[in-house]
C-alpha atoms as a PDB file:
ATOM      1  CA  MET A   1    -146.475 182.813-103.471  1.00  0.00           C
ATOM      2  CA  SER A   2    -146.207 180.145-100.835  1.00  0.00           C
ATOM      3  CA  ASP A   3    -148.074 177.654-102.959  1.00  0.00           C
ATOM      4  CA  VAL A   4    -144.882 177.113-105.124  1.00  0.00           C
ATOM      5  CA  TYR A   5    -143.049 175.811-102.083  1.00  0.00           C
ATOM      6  CA  GLU A   6    -143.194 172.311-100.471  1.00  0.00           C
ATOM      7  CA  VAL A   7    -143.066 172.104 -96.704  1.00  0.00           C
ATOM      8  CA  LEU A   8    -139.796 170.688 -95.463  1.00  0.00           C
ATOM      9  CA  GLY A   9    -141.060 167.812 -93.319  1.00  0.00           C
ATOM     10  CA  ARG A  10    -139.379 166.583 -90.152  1.00  0.00           C
ATOM     11  CA  ALA A  11    -138.417 163.335 -91.901  1.00  0.00           C
ATOM     12  CA  ASP A  12    -136.410 165.405 -94.410  1.00  0.00           C
ATOM     13  CA  LEU A  13    -134.236 166.898 -91.606  1.00  0.00           C
ATOM     14  CA  PRO A  14    -131.211 164.825 -90.556  1.00  0.00           C
ATOM     15  CA  LEU A  15    -130.966 164.095 -86.810  1.00  0.00           C
ATOM     16  CA  ASP A  16    -127.553 165.631 -86.527  1.00  0.00           C
ATOM     17  CA  THR A  17    -126.738 169.330 -85.991  1.00  0.00           C
ATOM     18  CA  VAL A  18    -123.870 169.580 -88.493  1.00  0.00           C
ATOM     19  CA  GLN A  19    -125.720 167.670 -91.163  1.00  0.00           C
ATOM     20  CA  LEU A  20    -128.736 169.852 -90.658  1.00  0.00           C
ATOM     21  CA  ALA A  21    -126.686 172.988 -90.992  1.00  0.00           C
ATOM     22  CA  LEU A  22    -125.412 171.693 -94.313  1.00  0.00           C
ATOM     23  CA  GLY A  23    -128.780 170.477 -95.499  1.00  0.00           C
ATOM     24  CA  LEU A  24    -130.483 173.755 -94.802  1.00  0.00           C
ATOM     25  CA  ILE A  25    -128.265 175.556 -97.392  1.00  0.00           C
ATOM     26  CA  GLY A  26    -130.475 176.174-100.359  1.00  0.00           C
ATOM     27  CA  LYS A  27    -133.773 175.662 -98.508  1.00  0.00           C
ATOM     28  CA  VAL A  28    -136.319 178.451 -98.080  1.00  0.00           C
ATOM     29  CA  VAL A  29    -137.611 180.335 -94.996  1.00  0.00           C
ATOM     30  CA  VAL A  30    -141.246 181.427 -95.577  1.00  0.00           C
ATOM     31  CA  ARG A  31    -142.908 184.091 -93.376  1.00  0.00           C
ATOM     32  CA  GLU A  32    -146.650 184.629 -93.585  1.00  0.00           C
ATOM     33  CA  THR A  33    -147.810 187.957 -92.131  1.00  0.00           C
ATOM     34  CA  PRO A  34    -151.129 189.908 -92.250  1.00  0.00           C
ATOM     35  CA  GLU A  35    -149.423 192.308 -94.620  1.00  0.00           C
ATOM     36  CA  GLY A  36    -148.196 189.622 -97.000  1.00  0.00           C
ATOM     37  CA  SER A  37    -145.799 186.762 -97.516  1.00  0.00           C
ATOM     38  CA  VAL A  38    -142.048 187.071 -97.717  1.00  0.00           C
ATOM     39  CA  SER A  39    -139.315 184.467 -98.257  1.00  0.00           C
ATOM     40  CA  GLY A  40    -135.636 183.952 -98.617  1.00  0.00           C
ATOM     41  CA  ARG A  41    -133.230 181.209 -99.627  1.00  0.00           C
ATOM     42  CA  ILE A  42    -130.825 180.108 -96.888  1.00  0.00           C
ATOM     43  CA  VAL A  43    -127.331 180.674 -98.065  1.00  0.00           C
ATOM     44  CA  GLU A  44    -125.427 180.649 -94.760  1.00  0.00           C
ATOM     45  CA  THR A  45    -125.793 178.706 -91.471  1.00  0.00           C
ATOM     46  CA  GLU A  46    -123.795 177.980 -88.322  1.00  0.00           C
ATOM     47  CA  ALA A  47    -124.016 174.739 -86.307  1.00  0.00           C
ATOM     48  CA  TYR A  48    -124.042 174.619 -82.539  1.00  0.00           C
ATOM     49  CA  PRO A  49    -123.952 170.926 -81.853  1.00  0.00           C
ATOM     50  CA  VAL A  50    -124.429 169.013 -78.597  1.00  0.00           C
ATOM     51  CA  GLY A  51    -121.801 169.960 -75.990  1.00  0.00           C
ATOM     52  CA  ASP A  52    -120.668 173.123 -77.794  1.00  0.00           C
ATOM     53  CA  ALA A  53    -119.555 175.706 -75.214  1.00  0.00           C
ATOM     54  CA  ALA A  54    -120.602 178.465 -77.558  1.00  0.00           C
ATOM     55  CA  GLY A  55    -124.196 177.196 -77.844  1.00  0.00           C
ATOM     56  CA  HIS A  56    -127.130 178.431 -75.797  1.00  0.00           C
ATOM     57  CA  ALA A  57    -127.794 174.818 -74.652  1.00  0.00           C
ATOM     58  CA  TRP A  58    -124.340 174.464 -73.016  1.00  0.00           C
ATOM     59  CA  ARG A  59    -125.525 174.867 -69.381  1.00  0.00           C
ATOM     60  CA  GLY A  60    -128.668 172.885 -69.892  1.00  0.00           C
ATOM     61  CA  GLU A  61    -132.418 173.661 -70.350  1.00  0.00           C
ATOM     62  CA  ARG A  62    -133.677 176.906 -69.028  1.00  0.00           C
ATOM     63  CA  PRO A  63    -137.039 178.646 -69.510  1.00  0.00           C
ATOM     64  CA  TRP A  64    -135.454 181.041 -72.068  1.00  0.00           C
ATOM     65  CA  ASN A  65    -133.770 178.376 -74.236  1.00  0.00           C
ATOM     66  CA  ARG A  66    -136.416 175.572 -73.964  1.00  0.00           C
ATOM     67  CA  SER A  67    -137.104 175.645 -77.690  1.00  0.00           C
ATOM     68  CA  LEU A  68    -133.552 174.377 -78.380  1.00  0.00           C
ATOM     69  CA  PHE A  69    -134.586 171.220 -76.616  1.00  0.00           C
ATOM     70  CA  LEU A  70    -137.551 170.514 -78.708  1.00  0.00           C
ATOM     71  CA  CYS A  71    -137.286 167.893 -81.448  1.00  0.00           C
ATOM     72  CA  ARG A  72    -135.595 168.961 -84.651  1.00  0.00           C
ATOM     73  CA  GLY A  73    -137.408 171.475 -86.820  1.00  0.00           C
ATOM     74  CA  HIS A  74    -138.600 174.061 -84.266  1.00  0.00           C
ATOM     75  CA  ALA A  75    -137.694 177.704 -84.131  1.00  0.00           C
ATOM     76  CA  TYR A  76    -135.565 179.084 -81.365  1.00  0.00           C
ATOM     77  CA  VAL A  77    -135.668 182.881 -81.517  1.00  0.00           C
ATOM     78  CA  HIS A  78    -133.554 184.828 -79.107  1.00  0.00           C
ATOM     79  CA  LEU A  79    -132.659 188.407 -78.634  1.00  0.00           C
ATOM     80  CA  THR A  80    -128.993 189.272 -78.783  1.00  0.00           C
ATOM     81  CA  TYR A  81    -127.501 192.367 -77.067  1.00  0.00           C
ATOM     82  CA  GLY A  82    -131.088 193.545 -76.523  1.00  0.00           C
ATOM     83  CA  VAL A  83    -131.237 194.628 -80.117  1.00  0.00           C
ATOM     84  CA  SER A  84    -131.347 191.863 -82.726  1.00  0.00           C
ATOM     85  CA  ASN A  85    -133.434 188.682 -82.920  1.00  0.00           C
ATOM     86  CA  MET A  86    -131.751 185.568 -84.115  1.00  0.00           C
ATOM     87  CA  LEU A  87    -133.522 182.647 -85.866  1.00  0.00           C
ATOM     88  CA  ASN A  88    -132.238 179.182 -85.022  1.00  0.00           C
ATOM     89  CA  VAL A  89    -133.569 175.653 -85.851  1.00  0.00           C
ATOM     90  CA  SER A  90    -133.573 173.001 -83.144  1.00  0.00           C
ATOM     91  CA  SER A  91    -131.505 170.093 -84.519  1.00  0.00           C
ATOM     92  CA  GLU A  92    -131.581 166.983 -82.345  1.00  0.00           C
ATOM     93  CA  ALA A  93    -134.039 164.659 -80.537  1.00  0.00           C
ATOM     94  CA  ALA A  94    -136.477 166.013 -77.999  1.00  0.00           C
ATOM     95  CA  GLY A  95    -134.619 166.749 -74.827  1.00  0.00           C
ATOM     96  CA  VAL A  96    -131.275 167.202 -76.447  1.00  0.00           C
ATOM     97  CA  GLY A  97    -130.178 170.838 -76.736  1.00  0.00           C
ATOM     98  CA  ALA A  98    -128.570 171.944 -80.012  1.00  0.00           C
ATOM     99  CA  GLY A  99    -129.339 174.226 -82.938  1.00  0.00           C
ATOM    100  CA  VAL A 100    -128.505 175.717 -86.175  1.00  0.00           C
ATOM    101  CA  LEU A 101    -128.342 179.528 -86.588  1.00  0.00           C
ATOM    102  CA  ILE A 102    -129.674 180.910 -89.895  1.00  0.00           C
ATOM    103  CA  ARG A 103    -127.062 183.577 -90.766  1.00  0.00           C
ATOM    104  CA  ALA A 104    -128.053 184.876 -94.191  1.00  0.00           C
ATOM    105  CA  LEU A 105    -130.868 184.669 -96.767  1.00  0.00           C
ATOM    106  CA  GLU A 106    -131.100 185.537-100.392  1.00  0.00           C
ATOM    107  CA  PRO A 107    -134.317 187.555-100.632  1.00  0.00           C
ATOM    108  CA  MET A 108    -136.931 185.954-103.013  1.00  0.00           C
ATOM    109  CA  ASP A 109    -140.493 186.960-102.516  1.00  0.00           C
ATOM    110  CA  GLY A 110    -142.195 189.995-100.911  1.00  0.00           C
ATOM    111  CA  LEU A 111    -139.290 192.326-101.501  1.00  0.00           C
ATOM    112  CA  PRO A 112    -141.195 195.546-100.981  1.00  0.00           C
ATOM    113  CA  LEU A 113    -142.382 194.411 -97.595  1.00  0.00           C
ATOM    114  CA  MET A 114    -138.845 193.307 -96.674  1.00  0.00           C
ATOM    115  CA  GLN A 115    -137.504 196.688 -97.648  1.00  0.00           C
ATOM    116  CA  ARG A 116    -140.080 198.399 -95.620  1.00  0.00           C
ATOM    117  CA  ASN A 117    -139.394 196.269 -92.589  1.00  0.00           C
ATOM    118  CA  ARG A 118    -135.680 196.966 -92.805  1.00  0.00           C
ATOM    119  CA  ARG A 119    -135.976 200.540 -94.048  1.00  0.00           C
ATOM    120  CA  VAL A 120    -133.392 199.988 -96.710  1.00  0.00           C
ATOM    121  CA  GLU A 121    -133.497 199.771-100.487  1.00  0.00           C
ATOM    122  CA  SER A 122    -130.396 197.659-101.086  1.00  0.00           C
ATOM    123  CA  LEU A 123    -131.371 194.175-102.034  1.00  0.00           C
ATOM    124  CA  ARG A 124    -127.959 192.863-101.093  1.00  0.00           C
ATOM    125  CA  ASP A 125    -128.240 194.192 -97.551  1.00  0.00           C
ATOM    126  CA  LEU A 126    -131.882 193.059 -96.849  1.00  0.00           C
ATOM    127  CA  ALA A 127    -131.038 189.789 -95.134  1.00  0.00           C
ATOM    128  CA  ARG A 128    -127.260 189.488 -95.127  1.00  0.00           C
ATOM    129  CA  GLY A 129    -126.718 188.720 -91.503  1.00  0.00           C
ATOM    130  CA  PRO A 130    -128.796 186.992 -88.782  1.00  0.00           C
ATOM    131  CA  GLY A 131    -130.188 190.242 -87.238  1.00  0.00           C
ATOM    132  CA  ARG A 132    -131.005 191.699 -90.621  1.00  0.00           C
ATOM    133  CA  LEU A 133    -132.922 188.678 -91.897  1.00  0.00           C
ATOM    134  CA  THR A 134    -135.191 188.518 -88.847  1.00  0.00           C
ATOM    135  CA  ALA A 135    -135.938 192.265 -89.244  1.00  0.00           C
ATOM    136  CA  ALA A 136    -136.643 191.813 -92.921  1.00  0.00           C
ATOM    137  CA  LEU A 137    -139.006 188.878 -92.237  1.00  0.00           C
ATOM    138  CA  ASP A 138    -140.495 190.364 -89.067  1.00  0.00           C
ATOM    139  CA  ILE A 139    -139.409 187.511 -86.918  1.00  0.00           C
ATOM    140  CA  ASP A 140    -139.425 188.098 -83.166  1.00  0.00           C
ATOM    141  CA  ARG A 141    -139.716 186.196 -79.874  1.00  0.00           C
ATOM    142  CA  SER A 142    -143.430 185.671 -80.504  1.00  0.00           C
ATOM    143  CA  LEU A 143    -142.404 182.969 -83.018  1.00  0.00           C
ATOM    144  CA  ASP A 144    -140.032 181.099 -80.488  1.00  0.00           C
ATOM    145  CA  GLY A 145    -140.966 177.406 -80.327  1.00  0.00           C
ATOM    146  CA  ILE A 146    -143.019 177.349 -83.514  1.00  0.00           C
ATOM    147  CA  ASP A 147    -142.994 174.150 -85.594  1.00  0.00           C
ATOM    148  CA  LEU A 148    -141.178 174.999 -88.764  1.00  0.00           C
ATOM    149  CA  CYS A 149    -142.220 171.683 -90.431  1.00  0.00           C
ATOM    150  CA  ARG A 150    -145.775 172.762 -91.126  1.00  0.00           C
ATOM    151  CA  LYS A 151    -147.326 175.754 -92.762  1.00  0.00           C
ATOM    152  CA  GLY A 152    -148.063 178.655 -90.490  1.00  0.00           C
ATOM    153  CA  PRO A 153    -146.605 182.094 -89.690  1.00  0.00           C
ATOM    154  CA  LEU A 154    -143.117 180.776 -90.179  1.00  0.00           C
ATOM    155  CA  TRP A 155    -141.966 177.557 -91.909  1.00  0.00           C
ATOM    156  CA  LEU A 156    -139.203 175.867 -93.890  1.00  0.00           C
ATOM    157  CA  ALA A 157    -139.695 174.889 -97.503  1.00  0.00           C
ATOM    158  CA  ARG A 158    -137.965 173.473-100.543  1.00  0.00           C
ATOM    159  CA  ASP A 159    -138.472 174.278-104.149  1.00  0.00           C
ATOM    160  CA  GLY A 160    -136.107 171.837-105.960  1.00  0.00           C
ATOM    161  CA  HIS A 161    -133.131 174.169-105.927  1.00  0.00           C
ATOM    162  CA  ASP A 162    -129.728 172.494-105.590  1.00  0.00           C
ATOM    163  CA  ALA A 163    -126.907 173.967-103.480  1.00  0.00           C
ATOM    164  CA  PRO A 164    -123.978 171.787-104.677  1.00  0.00           C
ATOM    165  CA  ASP A 165    -121.056 174.123-103.833  1.00  0.00           C
ATOM    166  CA  ILE A 166    -121.061 174.488-100.024  1.00  0.00           C
ATOM    167  CA  GLY A 167    -118.072 175.985 -98.300  1.00  0.00           C
ATOM    168  CA  ALA A 168    -117.096 175.783 -94.556  1.00  0.00           C
ATOM    169  CA  SER A 169    -115.329 178.272 -92.299  1.00  0.00           C
ATOM    170  CA  VAL A 170    -114.894 179.146 -88.673  1.00  0.00           C
ATOM    171  CA  ARG A 171    -117.869 180.653 -86.910  1.00  0.00           C
ATOM    172  CA  ILE A 172    -118.206 184.486 -86.639  1.00  0.00           C
ATOM    173  CA  GLY A 173    -118.259 186.696 -83.579  1.00  0.00           C
ATOM    174  CA  LEU A 174    -117.645 184.087 -80.896  1.00  0.00           C
ATOM    175  CA  SER A 175    -115.436 184.121 -77.899  1.00  0.00           C
ATOM    176  CA  ARG A 176    -115.639 180.371 -77.225  1.00  0.00           C
ATOM    177  CA  GLU A 177    -115.083 177.516 -79.600  1.00  0.00           C
ATOM    178  CA  ALA A 178    -114.443 180.149 -82.345  1.00  0.00           C
ATOM    179  CA  HIS A 179    -111.911 177.919 -84.180  1.00  0.00           C
ATOM    180  CA  ARG A 180    -114.398 175.171 -85.164  1.00  0.00           C
ATOM    181  CA  PRO A 181    -115.280 175.082 -88.893  1.00  0.00           C
ATOM    182  CA  LEU A 182    -119.011 174.938 -88.293  1.00  0.00           C
ATOM    183  CA  ARG A 183    -120.169 177.871 -90.487  1.00  0.00           C
ATOM    184  CA  PHE A 184    -121.500 176.792 -93.885  1.00  0.00           C
ATOM    185  CA  TYR A 185    -122.323 178.949 -96.913  1.00  0.00           C
ATOM    186  CA  LEU A 186    -123.234 178.819-100.551  1.00  0.00           C
ATOM    187  CA  ARG A 187    -120.032 179.620-102.463  1.00  0.00           C
ATOM    188  CA  GLY A 188    -120.223 182.615-104.791  1.00  0.00           C
ATOM    189  CA  ASN A 189    -123.513 183.823-103.392  1.00  0.00           C
ATOM    190  CA  PRO A 190    -123.604 187.736-103.047  1.00  0.00           C
ATOM    191  CA  PHE A 191    -125.836 187.676-100.016  1.00  0.00           C
ATOM    192  CA  LEU A 192    -123.401 186.132 -97.539  1.00  0.00           C
ATOM    193  CA  SER A 193    -122.415 187.890 -94.317  1.00  0.00           C
ATOM    194  CA  GLY A 194    -118.998 188.069 -92.811  1.00  0.00           C
ATOM    195  CA  PRO A 195    -115.620 188.994 -94.261  1.00  0.00           C
ATOM    196  CA  LYS A 196    -114.719 188.033 -97.838  1.00  0.00           C
ATOM    197  CA  MET A 197    -111.738 185.944 -96.647  1.00  0.00           C
ATOM    198  CA  LEU A 198    -114.269 183.491 -94.974  1.00  0.00           C
ATOM    199  CA  ASN A 199    -116.369 183.166 -98.119  1.00  0.00           C
ATOM    200  CA  THR A 200    -113.982 181.854-100.625  1.00  0.00           C
END
């Protein structure tokens, strides 16, 4: 399955958090596990740029957020509310903390394994939301800091798919900087998270 995808190299990633959040729409997340490979197309992201008070890098580098300060293209996986893992992509130069949250995927390959991981049958609900997608792809803190720009247990890919119609909205579920239009999504895609009013 993964042979049909081309690794998204670091040179393919813009050195700018907002531009990376836009550029990841339409790309593919590939997860290789001992039980098989699964993948999904990125249809929704949120940018947390440099200096953003809502971002985990806001108060500087700490042991738990160190991956956000790696050069662009590394995974930052963190646990939210002690329940759900969140997959982010570091987005700036080394030493500069910022990232892009992957909010939703359109499931592509390995659907039975994703359904088993999530314990749901509904294709639409498999990876619609940041906690759901990490559960579906079996992504946890053990993958924090991994280089997403080379093949391995978790990597970013492209397959020639275009994502020409990208919308923007305010971010979801924040108490700070919530008004900023830094959430991006593939218009008309049925696998988006969030309320319909933000997905038009």
